[in-house]
Amino acid sequence: MTLLQVRNLTTQFFTDEGVVKAVDGATFNLDKGKTLCIVGESGCGKSVMSLSLMRLIPEPPGRIVQGEIMFNDVQGERDLLKLSNEEMRRIRGKRIGMIFQEPMTSLNPVYTIGNQIGEAIALHEGGSNKQVKERTIRMLELVGIPAPEQRMREYPHQLSGGMRQRAMIAMALSCTPDILIADEPTTALDVTIQAQILDLMRELQRELGMAIIFVTHDLGVVAEMADQIAVMYAGKFVEVGTAQQIFNDPKHPYTQGLLKSIPSFEKGTEGKRLPTIPGVVPSLSNLPMGCAFADRCEKVKDRCRGEAVSEDPCNVGRLVRCFYA
């Protein structure tokens, strides 16, 4: 069952320096119980994509200028972009949960952890104070926080980074959403805690049957989590495929460059310098004509710099935005 169909989603920011094309024509489907990983360098538009899906883009300067976000749940299929603010508030947290990138800035420092999780439960699920408290404790237990009754009375600054991230996950899952959007949820954590958080998310996905949109730049995380992968560059998806297709048969030069830059532990690679992709992501307010990756690409030809690239010019059979894939 397809839970989410995104068609030609375009989000722009109107600034003094010009129009920033943060998300430019994104299209994808998300099925129940599956994980879509959106991958790319910092500044390519990944976080704006996740905020656009939740309709949390600050207006002004930002605006979703076109597209559809068709959400299919118990009430049938609806375009989230056409719902009122009140209808959208009922969906956020209840039907679509989100784990934000920085738990310390996303959690309110003057409220206890229990208050913040309980508020979401009371808003969407209702119930007496006792029922809300019991549900809050159960959610903290579910995400592996020890002594949950004590922890729910503590403030964010009293918890470690890993604990805060677990509290954020507990809040996002408190109303058992159909879709969980996770925006780089393990970036600031050490590898041991990172592995625990990923295991937890997979386990909860199996238990609750939810779909996950996982936003990250860490290809190691992607290899563990993804069913589908969308590689993003300068606001556009440049390659989309299954995890097997992307890791075993990458077609776009940018995807190939990302995969080559992963450290290898194979024999004979000791002491070898890791390949890098030269240059930086172009400014989203001043994108070049043609392919935005042209200045960093080893396959570049004149055609790349002057002609817009369609979704599959080489007839690969999936989205690969390159003339020479």
Protein backbone atom coordinates (compact mmCIF):
# COMPACT_ATOMS: atom_id res chain seq x y z
CA MET A 1 0.00 0.00 0.00
CA THR A 2 1.36 3.44 -0.98
CA LEU A 3 1.09 5.88 1.93
CA LEU A 4 2.66 8.94 0.31
CA GLN A 5 2.91 10.10 -3.29
CA VAL A 6 4.96 13.26 -3.80
CA ARG A 7 4.73 14.86 -7.24
CA ASN A 8 6.87 17.76 -8.53
CA LEU A 9 7.35 19.26 -5.05
CA THR A 10 9.06 22.65 -5.37
CA THR A 11 10.07 24.81 -2.39
CA GLN A 12 11.76 28.19 -2.80
CA PHE A 13 13.03 30.95 -0.52
CA PHE A 14 12.67 34.56 -1.67
CA THR A 15 15.66 36.49 -0.32
CA ASP A 16 17.49 39.77 -1.02
CA GLU A 17 20.16 37.77 -2.88
CA GLY A 18 17.58 36.11 -5.16
CA VAL A 19 15.34 33.04 -5.29
CA VAL A 20 16.82 30.00 -3.53
CA LYS A 21 15.58 26.79 -5.23
CA ALA A 22 15.91 24.52 -2.20
CA VAL A 23 13.70 21.67 -3.48
CA ASP A 24 13.19 21.56 -7.24
CA GLY A 25 10.58 19.18 -8.64
CA ALA A 26 10.96 16.21 -6.23
CA THR A 27 8.86 13.14 -7.06
CA PHE A 28 8.71 9.83 -5.13
CA ASN A 29 6.41 7.21 -3.56
CA LEU A 30 6.58 5.78 -0.04
CA ASP A 31 5.00 2.39 0.77
CA LYS A 32 3.75 1.13 4.13
CA GLY A 33 6.49 -0.50 6.22
CA LYS A 34 9.31 0.64 3.88
CA THR A 35 12.22 3.04 4.38
CA LEU A 36 13.20 5.74 1.87
CA CYS A 37 16.63 7.30 2.49
CA ILE A 38 17.29 10.77 1.07
CA VAL A 39 21.06 11.20 0.70
CA GLY A 40 23.31 14.11 -0.20
CA GLU A 41 25.89 16.64 0.99
CA SER A 42 25.09 19.43 3.43
CA GLY A 43 23.27 22.26 1.67
CA CYS A 44 21.63 20.14 -1.04
CA GLY A 45 18.05 20.61 0.24
CA LYS A 46 17.44 17.42 2.28
CA SER A 47 16.18 19.10 5.46
CA VAL A 48 14.01 21.55 3.50
CA MET A 49 12.45 18.53 1.81
CA SER A 50 11.48 16.98 5.16
CA LEU A 51 10.11 20.30 6.49
CA SER A 52 8.13 20.75 3.25
CA LEU A 53 6.44 17.37 3.75
CA MET A 54 5.30 18.54 7.21
CA ARG A 55 4.40 22.02 5.90
CA LEU A 56 6.77 23.62 8.39
CA ILE A 57 8.52 25.96 5.93
CA PRO A 58 8.70 29.47 7.47
CA GLU A 59 6.61 31.88 5.37
CA PRO A 60 8.11 34.34 4.50
CA PRO A 61 10.78 33.92 3.16
CA GLY A 62 9.96 30.34 2.12
CA ARG A 63 7.07 28.99 0.09
CA ILE A 64 6.02 25.70 -1.46
CA VAL A 65 5.35 27.04 -4.95
CA GLN A 66 3.97 23.92 -6.62
CA GLY A 67 3.48 20.16 -6.38
CA GLU A 68 1.31 17.57 -4.61
CA ILE A 69 1.81 15.61 -1.40
CA MET A 70 -0.87 12.89 -1.58
CA PHE A 71 -1.25 11.19 1.81
CA ASN A 72 -3.29 7.99 2.02
CA ASP A 73 -4.52 7.00 5.51
CA VAL A 74 -7.74 5.84 7.19
CA GLN A 75 -9.54 8.95 5.93
CA GLY A 76 -8.61 8.26 2.30
CA GLU A 77 -6.24 10.13 -0.01
CA ARG A 78 -5.68 13.85 0.61
CA ASP A 79 -3.30 16.46 -0.75
CA LEU A 80 -1.52 17.86 2.32
CA LEU A 81 -0.83 21.13 0.48
CA LYS A 82 -4.58 21.80 0.19
CA LEU A 83 -5.46 21.20 3.85
CA SER A 84 -6.15 24.06 6.27
CA ASN A 85 -3.61 24.81 9.02
CA GLU A 86 -5.97 23.26 11.58
CA GLU A 87 -6.32 20.03 9.55
CA MET A 88 -2.54 19.88 9.09
CA ARG A 89 -1.97 20.28 12.86
CA ARG A 90 -4.16 17.20 13.43
CA ILE A 91 -1.97 15.18 11.03
CA ARG A 92 1.39 16.31 12.47
CA GLY A 93 2.35 14.03 15.34
CA LYS A 94 -0.74 11.83 14.95
CA ARG A 95 -0.34 10.53 11.39
CA ILE A 96 3.13 11.81 10.47
CA GLY A 97 5.80 12.07 13.19
CA MET A 98 9.15 13.80 12.87
CA ILE A 99 12.51 13.48 14.62
CA PHE A 100 14.37 16.75 14.18
CA GLN A 101 18.10 17.07 13.55
CA GLU A 102 19.04 18.77 16.85
CA PRO A 103 17.19 17.46 19.93
CA MET A 104 18.62 20.20 22.16
CA THR A 105 17.03 22.92 20.01
CA SER A 106 13.85 20.93 19.30
CA LEU A 107 13.06 20.12 22.94
CA ASN A 108 11.82 23.00 25.08
CA PRO A 109 14.42 23.64 27.84
CA VAL A 110 11.85 24.89 30.40
CA TYR A 111 9.54 21.85 30.29
CA THR A 112 10.26 18.36 31.55
CA ILE A 113 10.62 15.48 29.10
CA GLY A 114 7.38 13.97 30.47
CA ASN A 115 5.47 17.22 29.91
CA GLN A 116 6.59 17.44 26.29
CA ILE A 117 5.75 13.84 25.38
CA GLY A 118 2.51 13.99 27.38
CA GLU A 119 1.41 17.16 25.57
CA ALA A 120 1.50 15.36 22.21
CA ILE A 121 -0.42 12.38 23.61
CA ALA A 122 -3.07 14.60 25.30
CA LEU A 123 -3.50 16.68 22.12
CA HIS A 124 -4.02 13.79 19.70
CA GLU A 125 -5.19 10.87 21.85
CA GLY A 126 -6.91 12.54 24.82
CA GLY A 127 -7.41 10.68 28.12
CA SER A 128 -7.07 11.49 31.82
CA ASN A 129 -3.85 12.80 33.38
CA LYS A 130 -3.19 9.31 34.75
CA GLN A 131 -3.64 7.69 31.31
CA VAL A 132 -1.36 10.28 29.66
CA LYS A 133 1.30 9.70 32.33
CA GLU A 134 1.11 5.89 31.91
CA ARG A 135 1.38 6.24 28.12
CA THR A 136 4.38 8.59 28.50
CA ILE A 137 6.17 6.10 30.76
CA ARG A 138 5.38 3.29 28.29
CA MET A 139 6.86 5.32 25.40
CA LEU A 140 10.06 6.03 27.36
CA GLU A 141 10.34 2.30 28.13
CA LEU A 142 9.74 1.49 24.46
CA VAL A 143 12.73 3.59 23.35
CA GLY A 144 14.99 2.03 25.97
CA ILE A 145 15.30 4.85 28.52
CA PRO A 146 16.07 3.37 31.96
CA ALA A 147 14.13 4.52 35.06
CA PRO A 148 11.41 6.19 32.90
CA GLU A 149 9.41 7.51 35.87
CA GLN A 150 12.46 9.46 37.05
CA ARG A 151 13.52 10.57 33.54
CA MET A 152 10.09 11.99 32.69
CA ARG A 153 10.52 14.50 35.56
CA GLU A 154 13.89 15.69 34.21
CA TYR A 155 14.68 18.56 31.84
CA PRO A 156 16.48 18.19 28.46
CA HIS A 157 19.81 19.54 29.80
CA GLN A 158 19.87 16.75 32.43
CA LEU A 159 19.94 14.02 29.74
CA SER A 160 22.87 12.85 27.60
CA GLY A 161 22.78 13.33 23.81
CA GLY A 162 21.66 9.75 23.23
CA MET A 163 18.93 10.04 25.88
CA ARG A 164 17.64 13.28 24.36
CA GLN A 165 17.51 11.65 20.94
CA ARG A 166 15.56 8.71 22.40
CA ALA A 167 13.17 11.18 24.06
CA MET A 168 12.65 12.84 20.66
CA ILE A 169 11.89 9.43 19.13
CA ALA A 170 9.45 8.69 21.97
CA MET A 171 7.68 11.99 21.26
CA ALA A 172 7.56 11.34 17.51
CA LEU A 173 6.16 7.82 18.04
CA SER A 174 3.83 8.64 20.96
CA CYS A 175 0.72 8.53 18.75
CA THR A 176 1.94 5.59 16.56
CA PRO A 177 2.16 7.55 13.27
CA ASP A 178 1.85 5.95 9.83
CA ILE A 179 5.00 7.77 8.65
CA LEU A 180 8.12 8.79 10.58
CA ILE A 181 10.38 11.48 9.10
CA ALA A 182 13.87 11.32 10.65
CA ASP A 183 16.12 14.27 9.77
CA GLU A 184 19.71 13.15 10.46
CA PRO A 185 18.67 11.68 13.84
CA THR A 186 22.08 10.14 14.62
CA THR A 187 24.48 12.84 13.33
CA ALA A 188 25.67 14.15 16.73
CA LEU A 189 25.87 10.76 18.44
CA ASP A 190 28.84 8.45 18.92
CA VAL A 191 28.85 5.23 16.90
CA THR A 192 27.68 2.98 19.75
CA ILE A 193 24.62 5.13 20.49
CA GLN A 194 24.05 5.56 16.74
CA ALA A 195 23.86 1.79 16.28
CA GLN A 196 21.42 1.50 19.21
CA ILE A 197 19.15 4.23 17.76
CA LEU A 198 19.12 2.57 14.29
CA ASP A 199 18.33 -0.84 15.84
CA LEU A 200 15.55 0.78 17.84
CA MET A 201 14.02 2.43 14.75
CA ARG A 202 14.08 -0.83 12.79
CA GLU A 203 12.51 -2.72 15.69
CA LEU A 204 9.75 -0.12 16.11
CA GLN A 205 9.15 -0.12 12.37
CA ARG A 206 8.58 -3.90 12.48
CA GLU A 207 6.29 -3.60 15.53
CA LEU A 208 4.23 -0.63 14.34
CA GLY A 209 4.38 -1.22 10.56
CA MET A 210 5.21 2.43 9.89
CA ALA A 211 7.04 3.86 6.88
CA ILE A 212 10.22 5.90 7.41
CA ILE A 213 11.76 8.78 5.47
CA PHE A 214 15.38 8.89 6.66
CA VAL A 215 17.35 12.02 5.77
CA THR A 216 21.13 11.59 6.06
CA HIS A 217 24.54 12.13 4.46
CA ASP A 218 25.94 8.94 6.05
CA LEU A 219 26.04 6.11 3.51
CA GLY A 220 26.84 3.58 6.26
CA VAL A 221 23.47 4.37 7.85
CA VAL A 222 21.80 4.16 4.42
CA ALA A 223 23.21 0.67 3.81
CA GLU A 224 21.60 -0.52 7.05
CA MET A 225 18.23 1.21 6.76
CA ALA A 226 17.16 1.75 3.15
CA ASP A 227 14.70 -0.04 0.90
CA GLN A 228 14.68 2.88 -1.57
CA ILE A 229 17.34 5.58 -1.95
CA ALA A 230 16.97 9.06 -3.45
CA VAL A 231 20.29 10.85 -4.07
CA MET A 232 19.83 14.64 -3.88
CA TYR A 233 22.09 17.30 -5.35
CA ALA A 234 21.45 21.07 -5.53
CA GLY A 235 17.74 20.69 -4.80
CA LYS A 236 17.04 17.92 -7.33
CA PHE A 237 16.97 14.14 -7.16
CA VAL A 238 19.79 13.01 -9.48
CA GLU A 239 19.31 9.25 -8.95
CA VAL A 240 16.58 7.13 -7.38
CA GLY A 241 16.55 3.34 -7.00
CA THR A 242 16.42 0.42 -4.64
CA ALA A 243 19.27 0.03 -2.14
CA GLN A 244 20.62 -2.85 -4.27
CA GLN A 245 20.58 -0.73 -7.46
CA ILE A 246 22.30 2.26 -5.85
CA PHE A 247 25.03 0.30 -4.04
CA ASN A 248 25.68 -2.39 -6.68
CA ASP A 249 25.06 -0.44 -9.89
CA PRO A 250 25.24 3.35 -9.34
CA LYS A 251 24.71 5.25 -12.60
CA HIS A 252 25.06 8.96 -11.85
CA PRO A 253 28.65 10.32 -11.50
CA TYR A 254 27.68 12.02 -8.22
CA THR A 255 26.38 8.76 -6.71
CA GLN A 256 29.53 6.97 -7.91
CA GLY A 257 31.68 9.67 -6.28
CA LEU A 258 29.83 9.36 -2.97
CA LEU A 259 30.26 5.58 -2.90
CA LYS A 260 33.98 5.78 -3.79
CA SER A 261 34.56 8.09 -0.83
CA ILE A 262 33.44 5.46 1.73
CA PRO A 263 36.42 4.04 3.66
CA SER A 264 37.18 0.42 2.76
CA PHE A 265 38.61 -2.28 5.00
CA GLU A 266 39.58 -4.59 2.12
CA LYS A 267 43.10 -5.95 1.93
CA GLY A 268 45.41 -3.77 -0.13
CA THR A 269 43.64 -0.48 0.67
CA GLU A 270 45.79 0.29 3.71
CA GLY A 271 47.38 3.74 3.54
CA LYS A 272 45.60 4.65 0.29
CA ARG A 273 44.12 8.12 0.07
CA LEU A 274 40.32 8.21 -0.17
CA PRO A 275 38.97 9.66 -3.44
CA THR A 276 37.04 12.92 -3.01
CA ILE A 277 34.62 14.87 -5.18
CA PRO A 278 36.34 18.17 -6.08
CA GLY A 279 34.58 21.50 -5.54
CA VAL A 280 31.44 22.32 -3.56
CA VAL A 281 27.66 22.28 -4.05
CA PRO A 282 26.72 25.39 -6.10
CA SER A 283 24.67 28.17 -4.50
CA LEU A 284 20.96 27.30 -4.70
CA SER A 285 20.25 30.97 -5.51
CA ASN A 286 22.61 30.97 -8.50
CA LEU A 287 22.44 27.54 -10.14
CA PRO A 288 24.30 27.03 -13.44
CA MET A 289 22.55 26.28 -16.74
CA GLY A 290 22.16 22.59 -17.51
CA CYS A 291 23.47 20.04 -15.00
CA ALA A 292 24.28 21.52 -11.57
CA PHE A 293 27.00 18.85 -11.06
CA ALA A 294 28.85 19.71 -14.31
CA ASP A 295 31.69 21.72 -12.69
CA ARG A 296 32.60 18.77 -10.42
CA CYS A 297 32.02 15.92 -12.88
CA GLU A 298 34.75 13.90 -14.61
CA LYS A 299 32.38 12.93 -17.47
CA VAL A 300 31.32 16.53 -18.29
CA LYS A 301 30.85 17.57 -21.94
CA ASP A 302 29.57 20.78 -23.56
CA ARG A 303 26.00 19.45 -23.65
CA CYS A 304 25.95 19.20 -19.84
CA ARG A 305 26.49 22.93 -19.35
CA GLY A 306 23.80 24.25 -21.69
CA GLU A 307 20.93 21.76 -21.76
CA ALA A 308 18.44 20.87 -19.02
CA VAL A 309 18.69 17.18 -18.01
CA SER A 310 15.48 15.15 -18.00
CA GLU A 311 14.82 12.40 -15.44
CA ASP A 312 16.14 9.48 -17.55
CA PRO A 313 17.85 10.64 -20.77
CA CYS A 314 19.79 7.33 -21.11
CA ASN A 315 16.68 5.11 -20.72
CA VAL A 316 18.06 3.34 -17.66
CA GLY A 317 14.49 2.58 -16.54
CA ARG A 318 14.62 4.68 -13.35
CA LEU A 319 15.46 8.27 -12.47
CA VAL A 320 19.11 8.95 -13.38
CA ARG A 321 19.54 12.62 -14.30
CA CYS A 322 22.65 12.31 -16.53
CA PHE A 323 23.29 12.35 -20.30
CA TYR A 324 26.21 9.91 -19.92
CA ALA A 325 25.03 7.50 -17.19
